[in-house]
Amino acid sequence: MVTSMVNLDNFTQKSTEDLKQAVLRLVTGRDSDSLAQKNQFYKTELAALFAELQQRNPVPVASDQASLIQGVWLSLWSTIPFQDIFPGRIRDQSYQIFHPDGYYANMARYAPGSRLPLLKNLSSWLVAYDFMLIQRYEVKNQQWLIQNVGVEQALRIRAKSFTVDVADAWFTKAVASPKLTRLKHLDRTTTKKVEKILQATPQLEHLYCDPDFRIVKTQRESKQRASYTIAIRKF
């Protein structure tokens, strides 16, 4: 039996800010854990904290959340399997960007080395793989509706950082293009995984949402186990 590191007896006596800081302390350095470890950690350490913060959600109405979350967010910890579908994700160059036109993007830089066919003959420290999943969002009847639109990929020089400005410009250009690029540079197994993700209709709910901190519950399909993401605002 795993013993929780969190004292569950005094949640109601703590301030909301204290609970948020407790969440951030708990997940520090744990985003690289395996998915199984993360799911177990959620059960033993985070579930009760999330439930208490959900009761205190300052912006529980989805239509109000939509205007609040515009901008750039960093995912600090997540149980979404998709985030690490490729090896070598650089966590401080992984972003979620919401635009007011109803599009948002999950994007990240990966340094996967020889795991990608195109990179087998290149030095892994020279080349990075940037991947972006583009989605549409809207709120109807106070429910978030998410639609997968497509993906964009790019091979870039790794020494040039995948900054917020680079990421946002790439996102803006991709949305303006009527045709998104087809999957390439990937092995067959990974390609099938990405194609399956694109066919899904994700469900999204904010358990907690304020201007700088979000706890998000998502499901790729209704029968799939829920995933959880802790995000903080970058810009």
C-alpha atoms as a PDB file:
ATOM      1  CA  MET A   1       0.000   0.000   0.000  1.00  0.00           C
ATOM      2  CA  VAL A   2       1.336   3.421  -1.005  1.00  0.00           C
ATOM      3  CA  THR A   3       1.281   6.049   1.722  1.00  0.00           C
ATOM      4  CA  SER A   4       0.201   9.484   0.588  1.00  0.00           C
ATOM      5  CA  MET A   5       2.592  12.373   1.071  1.00  0.00           C
ATOM      6  CA  VAL A   6      -0.377  14.721   1.446  1.00  0.00           C
ATOM      7  CA  ASN A   7      -2.190  15.387   4.715  1.00  0.00           C
ATOM      8  CA  LEU A   8      -5.827  15.010   3.698  1.00  0.00           C
ATOM      9  CA  ASP A   9      -7.212  16.207   7.034  1.00  0.00           C
ATOM     10  CA  ASN A  10      -6.611  19.935   6.649  1.00  0.00           C
ATOM     11  CA  PHE A  11      -7.538  20.637   3.026  1.00  0.00           C
ATOM     12  CA  THR A  12     -10.562  22.700   3.951  1.00  0.00           C
ATOM     13  CA  GLN A  13      -8.453  24.818   6.295  1.00  0.00           C
ATOM     14  CA  LYS A  14      -5.869  25.695   3.649  1.00  0.00           C
ATOM     15  CA  SER A  15      -6.141  28.670   1.344  1.00  0.00           C
ATOM     16  CA  THR A  16      -6.642  28.048  -2.349  1.00  0.00           C
ATOM     17  CA  GLU A  17      -3.183  29.460  -3.042  1.00  0.00           C
ATOM     18  CA  ASP A  18      -1.675  27.027  -0.537  1.00  0.00           C
ATOM     19  CA  LEU A  19      -3.395  24.114  -2.270  1.00  0.00           C
ATOM     20  CA  LYS A  20      -2.164  25.260  -5.678  1.00  0.00           C
ATOM     21  CA  GLN A  21       1.385  25.523  -4.368  1.00  0.00           C
ATOM     22  CA  ALA A  22       1.063  22.049  -2.846  1.00  0.00           C
ATOM     23  CA  VAL A  23       0.107  20.682  -6.265  1.00  0.00           C
ATOM     24  CA  LEU A  24       3.064  22.404  -7.910  1.00  0.00           C
ATOM     25  CA  ARG A  25       5.486  21.083  -5.297  1.00  0.00           C
ATOM     26  CA  LEU A  26       4.182  17.547  -5.659  1.00  0.00           C
ATOM     27  CA  VAL A  27       4.609  17.395  -9.442  1.00  0.00           C
ATOM     28  CA  THR A  28       8.000  19.112  -9.626  1.00  0.00           C
ATOM     29  CA  GLY A  29      10.416  16.792 -11.427  1.00  0.00           C
ATOM     30  CA  ARG A  30       7.776  14.112 -12.031  1.00  0.00           C
ATOM     31  CA  ASP A  31       6.626  14.813 -15.582  1.00  0.00           C
ATOM     32  CA  SER A  32       9.238  12.395 -16.932  1.00  0.00           C
ATOM     33  CA  ASP A  33       7.786   9.487 -14.921  1.00  0.00           C
ATOM     34  CA  SER A  34       6.197   6.639 -16.839  1.00  0.00           C
ATOM     35  CA  LEU A  35       2.485   6.844 -17.573  1.00  0.00           C
ATOM     36  CA  ALA A  36       1.798   4.039 -15.096  1.00  0.00           C
ATOM     37  CA  GLN A  37       3.713   5.910 -12.389  1.00  0.00           C
ATOM     38  CA  LYS A  38       1.820   9.107 -13.152  1.00  0.00           C
ATOM     39  CA  ASN A  39      -1.571   7.407 -12.990  1.00  0.00           C
ATOM     40  CA  GLN A  40      -0.681   5.888  -9.634  1.00  0.00           C
ATOM     41  CA  PHE A  41       0.647   9.228  -8.409  1.00  0.00           C
ATOM     42  CA  TYR A  42      -2.616  10.881  -9.394  1.00  0.00           C
ATOM     43  CA  LYS A  43      -4.591   8.354  -7.350  1.00  0.00           C
ATOM     44  CA  THR A  44      -2.455   8.554  -4.218  1.00  0.00           C
ATOM     45  CA  GLU A  45      -1.321  12.183  -4.189  1.00  0.00           C
ATOM     46  CA  LEU A  46      -3.333  14.420  -6.485  1.00  0.00           C
ATOM     47  CA  ALA A  47      -6.929  13.199  -6.713  1.00  0.00           C
ATOM     48  CA  ALA A  48      -8.004  14.599  -3.344  1.00  0.00           C
ATOM     49  CA  LEU A  49      -6.254  17.916  -4.010  1.00  0.00           C
ATOM     50  CA  PHE A  50      -7.904  18.188  -7.417  1.00  0.00           C
ATOM     51  CA  ALA A  51     -11.316  17.456  -5.899  1.00  0.00           C
ATOM     52  CA  GLU A  52     -10.889  20.188  -3.290  1.00  0.00           C
ATOM     53  CA  LEU A  53      -9.681  22.714  -5.859  1.00  0.00           C
ATOM     54  CA  GLN A  54     -12.601  21.823  -8.117  1.00  0.00           C
ATOM     55  CA  GLN A  55     -14.941  22.834  -5.309  1.00  0.00           C
ATOM     56  CA  ARG A  56     -13.180  26.205  -5.245  1.00  0.00           C
ATOM     57  CA  ASN A  57     -12.980  26.754  -8.996  1.00  0.00           C
ATOM     58  CA  PRO A  58     -13.255  30.547  -9.383  1.00  0.00           C
ATOM     59  CA  VAL A  59     -14.348  30.273 -13.031  1.00  0.00           C
ATOM     60  CA  PRO A  60     -16.658  27.240 -13.270  1.00  0.00           C
ATOM     61  CA  VAL A  61     -18.612  28.461 -16.313  1.00  0.00           C
ATOM     62  CA  ALA A  62     -17.134  27.192 -19.580  1.00  0.00           C
ATOM     63  CA  SER A  63     -17.993  30.311 -21.598  1.00  0.00           C
ATOM     64  CA  ASP A  64     -16.074  32.442 -19.103  1.00  0.00           C
ATOM     65  CA  GLN A  65     -13.121  30.045 -19.224  1.00  0.00           C
ATOM     66  CA  ALA A  66     -12.863  30.372 -23.018  1.00  0.00           C
ATOM     67  CA  SER A  67     -11.980  34.053 -22.856  1.00  0.00           C
ATOM     68  CA  LEU A  68      -9.746  33.605 -19.815  1.00  0.00           C
ATOM     69  CA  ILE A  69      -7.394  31.004 -21.251  1.00  0.00           C
ATOM     70  CA  GLN A  70      -6.287  32.902 -24.368  1.00  0.00           C
ATOM     71  CA  GLY A  71      -2.496  32.890 -24.657  1.00  0.00           C
ATOM     72  CA  VAL A  72       0.378  30.494 -24.054  1.00  0.00           C
ATOM     73  CA  TRP A  73       0.458  27.787 -21.382  1.00  0.00           C
ATOM     74  CA  LEU A  74       3.106  25.343 -20.198  1.00  0.00           C
ATOM     75  CA  SER A  75       2.138  21.825 -19.205  1.00  0.00           C
ATOM     76  CA  LEU A  76       3.975  20.997 -15.975  1.00  0.00           C
ATOM     77  CA  TRP A  77       2.588  17.493 -15.501  1.00  0.00           C
ATOM     78  CA  SER A  78       0.181  15.377 -17.500  1.00  0.00           C
ATOM     79  CA  THR A  79      -1.153  11.857 -17.871  1.00  0.00           C
ATOM     80  CA  ILE A  80      -2.068  12.391 -21.532  1.00  0.00           C
ATOM     81  CA  PRO A  81      -0.339   9.519 -23.406  1.00  0.00           C
ATOM     82  CA  PHE A  82      -0.113  11.596 -26.588  1.00  0.00           C
ATOM     83  CA  GLN A  83       2.417  14.044 -25.143  1.00  0.00           C
ATOM     84  CA  ASP A  84       5.167  11.456 -25.139  1.00  0.00           C
ATOM     85  CA  ILE A  85       4.161   9.513 -28.225  1.00  0.00           C
ATOM     86  CA  PHE A  86       7.599  10.465 -29.580  1.00  0.00           C
ATOM     87  CA  PRO A  87      10.822  10.071 -27.588  1.00  0.00           C
ATOM     88  CA  GLY A  88      12.887  12.944 -26.271  1.00  0.00           C
ATOM     89  CA  ARG A  89      10.310  15.649 -25.547  1.00  0.00           C
ATOM     90  CA  ILE A  90      11.952  18.874 -24.353  1.00  0.00           C
ATOM     91  CA  ARG A  91       9.577  19.923 -21.618  1.00  0.00           C
ATOM     92  CA  ASP A  92      10.428  23.599 -21.408  1.00  0.00           C
ATOM     93  CA  GLN A  93       9.799  23.885 -25.161  1.00  0.00           C
ATOM     94  CA  SER A  94       6.319  22.342 -25.023  1.00  0.00           C
ATOM     95  CA  TYR A  95       3.364  24.709 -25.320  1.00  0.00           C
ATOM     96  CA  GLN A  96      -0.389  24.931 -25.522  1.00  0.00           C
ATOM     97  CA  ILE A  97      -1.484  28.071 -27.353  1.00  0.00           C
ATOM     98  CA  PHE A  98      -5.072  29.340 -27.505  1.00  0.00           C
ATOM     99  CA  HIS A  99      -6.027  31.870 -30.176  1.00  0.00           C
ATOM    100  CA  PRO A 100      -9.274  33.884 -30.075  1.00  0.00           C
ATOM    101  CA  ASP A 101     -10.291  32.582 -33.527  1.00  0.00           C
ATOM    102  CA  GLY A 102     -11.319  29.212 -32.071  1.00  0.00           C
ATOM    103  CA  TYR A 103      -8.075  27.353 -32.765  1.00  0.00           C
ATOM    104  CA  TYR A 104      -5.544  26.043 -30.300  1.00  0.00           C
ATOM    105  CA  ALA A 105      -2.411  23.976 -30.636  1.00  0.00           C
ATOM    106  CA  ASN A 106      -0.508  21.470 -28.562  1.00  0.00           C
ATOM    107  CA  MET A 107       3.086  21.584 -29.711  1.00  0.00           C
ATOM    108  CA  ALA A 108       6.473  20.434 -28.564  1.00  0.00           C
ATOM    109  CA  ARG A 109      10.079  20.017 -29.602  1.00  0.00           C
ATOM    110  CA  TYR A 110      11.551  16.521 -29.526  1.00  0.00           C
ATOM    111  CA  ALA A 111      15.161  15.407 -29.709  1.00  0.00           C
ATOM    112  CA  PRO A 112      14.494  11.776 -30.657  1.00  0.00           C
ATOM    113  CA  GLY A 113      17.757  10.857 -32.373  1.00  0.00           C
ATOM    114  CA  SER A 114      17.720   7.645 -34.396  1.00  0.00           C
ATOM    115  CA  ARG A 115      14.131   6.723 -33.476  1.00  0.00           C
ATOM    116  CA  LEU A 116      12.883   8.734 -36.461  1.00  0.00           C
ATOM    117  CA  PRO A 117      13.839   7.214 -39.847  1.00  0.00           C
ATOM    118  CA  LEU A 118      14.920  10.502 -41.399  1.00  0.00           C
ATOM    119  CA  LEU A 119      17.379  11.153 -38.581  1.00  0.00           C
ATOM    120  CA  LYS A 120      19.203   7.833 -38.675  1.00  0.00           C
ATOM    121  CA  ASN A 121      22.080   9.245 -40.676  1.00  0.00           C
ATOM    122  CA  LEU A 122      22.208  12.597 -38.889  1.00  0.00           C
ATOM    123  CA  SER A 123      23.774  13.483 -35.576  1.00  0.00           C
ATOM    124  CA  SER A 124      20.965  13.527 -33.023  1.00  0.00           C
ATOM    125  CA  TRP A 125      22.348  16.641 -31.364  1.00  0.00           C
ATOM    126  CA  LEU A 126      22.062  18.611 -34.621  1.00  0.00           C
ATOM    127  CA  VAL A 127      18.409  18.026 -35.505  1.00  0.00           C
ATOM    128  CA  ALA A 128      15.168  18.512 -33.603  1.00  0.00           C
ATOM    129  CA  TYR A 129      11.661  17.391 -34.522  1.00  0.00           C
ATOM    130  CA  ASP A 130       8.858  19.887 -33.871  1.00  0.00           C
ATOM    131  CA  PHE A 131       5.311  18.541 -33.789  1.00  0.00           C
ATOM    132  CA  MET A 132       2.006  20.381 -33.539  1.00  0.00           C
ATOM    133  CA  LEU A 133      -1.535  19.065 -33.097  1.00  0.00           C
ATOM    134  CA  ILE A 134      -4.065  21.695 -34.171  1.00  0.00           C
ATOM    135  CA  GLN A 135      -7.576  21.632 -32.737  1.00  0.00           C
ATOM    136  CA  ARG A 136     -10.715  23.747 -32.855  1.00  0.00           C
ATOM    137  CA  TYR A 137     -12.574  24.676 -29.707  1.00  0.00           C
ATOM    138  CA  GLU A 138     -15.915  26.212 -28.876  1.00  0.00           C
ATOM    139  CA  VAL A 139     -18.351  26.259 -25.985  1.00  0.00           C
ATOM    140  CA  LYS A 140     -21.967  25.172 -26.468  1.00  0.00           C
ATOM    141  CA  ASN A 141     -24.473  24.741 -23.667  1.00  0.00           C
ATOM    142  CA  GLN A 142     -21.592  25.422 -21.266  1.00  0.00           C
ATOM    143  CA  GLN A 143     -19.684  22.391 -22.539  1.00  0.00           C
ATOM    144  CA  TRP A 144     -16.311  22.463 -24.249  1.00  0.00           C
ATOM    145  CA  LEU A 145     -16.430  21.023 -27.771  1.00  0.00           C
ATOM    146  CA  ILE A 146     -13.084  19.971 -29.245  1.00  0.00           C
ATOM    147  CA  GLN A 147     -12.345  18.914 -32.812  1.00  0.00           C
ATOM    148  CA  ASN A 148      -9.002  17.637 -34.069  1.00  0.00           C
ATOM    149  CA  VAL A 149      -8.046  19.530 -37.226  1.00  0.00           C
ATOM    150  CA  GLY A 150      -4.661  18.156 -38.227  1.00  0.00           C
ATOM    151  CA  VAL A 151      -0.953  18.098 -37.572  1.00  0.00           C
ATOM    152  CA  GLU A 152       2.123  19.989 -38.669  1.00  0.00           C
ATOM    153  CA  GLN A 153       5.726  18.778 -38.480  1.00  0.00           C
ATOM    154  CA  ALA A 154       9.117  20.344 -39.001  1.00  0.00           C
ATOM    155  CA  LEU A 155      12.759  19.342 -38.774  1.00  0.00           C
ATOM    156  CA  ARG A 156      14.847  22.198 -37.439  1.00  0.00           C
ATOM    157  CA  ILE A 157      18.351  22.890 -36.198  1.00  0.00           C
ATOM    158  CA  ARG A 158      18.327  21.946 -32.553  1.00  0.00           C
ATOM    159  CA  ALA A 159      20.648  24.785 -31.518  1.00  0.00           C
ATOM    160  CA  LYS A 160      17.887  27.274 -32.399  1.00  0.00           C
ATOM    161  CA  SER A 161      15.417  27.077 -29.528  1.00  0.00           C
ATOM    162  CA  PHE A 162      11.743  26.431 -30.124  1.00  0.00           C
ATOM    163  CA  THR A 163      10.670  29.658 -28.451  1.00  0.00           C
ATOM    164  CA  VAL A 164       7.132  30.892 -27.863  1.00  0.00           C
ATOM    165  CA  ASP A 165       7.524  33.370 -30.740  1.00  0.00           C
ATOM    166  CA  VAL A 166       8.659  30.630 -33.124  1.00  0.00           C
ATOM    167  CA  ALA A 167       5.870  28.327 -31.985  1.00  0.00           C
ATOM    168  CA  ASP A 168       3.154  30.977 -32.240  1.00  0.00           C
ATOM    169  CA  ALA A 169       4.259  32.121 -35.696  1.00  0.00           C
ATOM    170  CA  TRP A 170       4.255  28.498 -36.901  1.00  0.00           C
ATOM    171  CA  PHE A 171       0.771  27.967 -35.465  1.00  0.00           C
ATOM    172  CA  THR A 172      -0.608  31.145 -37.050  1.00  0.00           C
ATOM    173  CA  LYS A 173       0.828  30.250 -40.457  1.00  0.00           C
ATOM    174  CA  ALA A 174      -0.512  26.685 -40.275  1.00  0.00           C
ATOM    175  CA  VAL A 175      -4.060  27.786 -39.461  1.00  0.00           C
ATOM    176  CA  ALA A 176      -3.976  30.216 -42.393  1.00  0.00           C
ATOM    177  CA  SER A 177      -3.047  27.374 -44.745  1.00  0.00           C
ATOM    178  CA  PRO A 178      -5.999  25.392 -46.153  1.00  0.00           C
ATOM    179  CA  LYS A 179      -3.929  22.229 -46.318  1.00  0.00           C
ATOM    180  CA  LEU A 180      -2.058  20.682 -43.422  1.00  0.00           C
ATOM    181  CA  THR A 181       0.911  18.470 -44.166  1.00  0.00           C
ATOM    182  CA  ARG A 182       0.576  14.719 -44.146  1.00  0.00           C
ATOM    183  CA  LEU A 183       2.393  12.622 -41.599  1.00  0.00           C
ATOM    184  CA  LYS A 184       6.002  11.973 -42.497  1.00  0.00           C
ATOM    185  CA  HIS A 185       9.329  11.160 -40.851  1.00  0.00           C
ATOM    186  CA  LEU A 186       7.505   8.649 -38.594  1.00  0.00           C
ATOM    187  CA  ASP A 187       7.634   4.889 -38.317  1.00  0.00           C
ATOM    188  CA  ARG A 188       4.467   2.958 -39.168  1.00  0.00           C
ATOM    189  CA  THR A 189       3.476   2.260 -35.556  1.00  0.00           C
ATOM    190  CA  THR A 190       3.725   5.903 -34.521  1.00  0.00           C
ATOM    191  CA  THR A 191       1.874   7.037 -37.643  1.00  0.00           C
ATOM    192  CA  LYS A 192      -1.048   4.759 -36.782  1.00  0.00           C
ATOM    193  CA  LYS A 193      -1.145   6.114 -33.223  1.00  0.00           C
ATOM    194  CA  VAL A 194      -1.288   9.706 -34.459  1.00  0.00           C
ATOM    195  CA  GLU A 195      -3.965   8.872 -37.034  1.00  0.00           C
ATOM    196  CA  LYS A 196      -6.084   7.273 -34.305  1.00  0.00           C
ATOM    197  CA  ILE A 197      -5.753  10.391 -32.170  1.00  0.00           C
ATOM    198  CA  LEU A 198      -6.880  12.583 -35.071  1.00  0.00           C
ATOM    199  CA  GLN A 199     -10.023  10.477 -35.530  1.00  0.00           C
ATOM    200  CA  ALA A 200     -11.118  10.959 -31.914  1.00  0.00           C
ATOM    201  CA  THR A 201     -13.482  13.605 -30.550  1.00  0.00           C
ATOM    202  CA  PRO A 202     -11.829  14.714 -27.306  1.00  0.00           C
ATOM    203  CA  GLN A 203     -13.759  15.753 -24.217  1.00  0.00           C
ATOM    204  CA  LEU A 204     -12.405  18.567 -22.059  1.00  0.00           C
ATOM    205  CA  GLU A 205     -13.319  19.933 -18.639  1.00  0.00           C
ATOM    206  CA  HIS A 206     -11.562  22.470 -16.445  1.00  0.00           C
ATOM    207  CA  LEU A 207     -11.573  21.208 -12.878  1.00  0.00           C
ATOM    208  CA  TYR A 208      -9.893  24.448 -11.877  1.00  0.00           C
ATOM    209  CA  CYS A 209      -9.243  27.561 -13.945  1.00  0.00           C
ATOM    210  CA  ASP A 210      -7.878  30.961 -13.018  1.00  0.00           C
ATOM    211  CA  PRO A 211      -5.802  33.447 -15.038  1.00  0.00           C
ATOM    212  CA  ASP A 212      -2.500  31.657 -14.353  1.00  0.00           C
ATOM    213  CA  PHE A 213      -3.238  28.067 -13.280  1.00  0.00           C
ATOM    214  CA  ARG A 214      -5.369  25.301 -14.757  1.00  0.00           C
ATOM    215  CA  ILE A 215      -6.217  21.697 -13.934  1.00  0.00           C
ATOM    216  CA  VAL A 216      -7.700  20.057 -17.008  1.00  0.00           C
ATOM    217  CA  LYS A 217      -9.491  16.735 -17.331  1.00  0.00           C
ATOM    218  CA  THR A 218      -9.580  15.246 -20.828  1.00  0.00           C
ATOM    219  CA  GLN A 219     -10.713  12.048 -22.508  1.00  0.00           C
ATOM    220  CA  ARG A 220      -9.889  11.104 -26.067  1.00  0.00           C
ATOM    221  CA  GLU A 221     -12.945   8.837 -26.140  1.00  0.00           C
ATOM    222  CA  SER A 222     -15.796   8.353 -23.667  1.00  0.00           C
ATOM    223  CA  LYS A 223     -14.644   4.837 -22.753  1.00  0.00           C
ATOM    224  CA  GLN A 224     -11.019   5.840 -22.292  1.00  0.00           C
ATOM    225  CA  ARG A 225      -9.527   6.551 -18.885  1.00  0.00           C
ATOM    226  CA  ALA A 226      -9.529  10.256 -18.091  1.00  0.00           C
ATOM    227  CA  SER A 227      -6.248  12.157 -18.292  1.00  0.00           C
ATOM    228  CA  TYR A 228      -5.216  15.131 -16.189  1.00  0.00           C
ATOM    229  CA  THR A 229      -2.975  18.088 -16.967  1.00  0.00           C
ATOM    230  CA  ILE A 230      -1.566  20.806 -14.726  1.00  0.00           C
ATOM    231  CA  ALA A 231      -0.718  23.942 -16.703  1.00  0.00           C
ATOM    232  CA  ILE A 232       0.592  27.384 -15.837  1.00  0.00           C
ATOM    233  CA  ARG A 233       0.478  30.501 -17.964  1.00  0.00           C
ATOM    234  CA  LYS A 234       3.594  31.420 -19.931  1.00  0.00           C
ATOM    235  CA  PHE A 235       2.209  34.538 -21.645  1.00  0.00           C
END
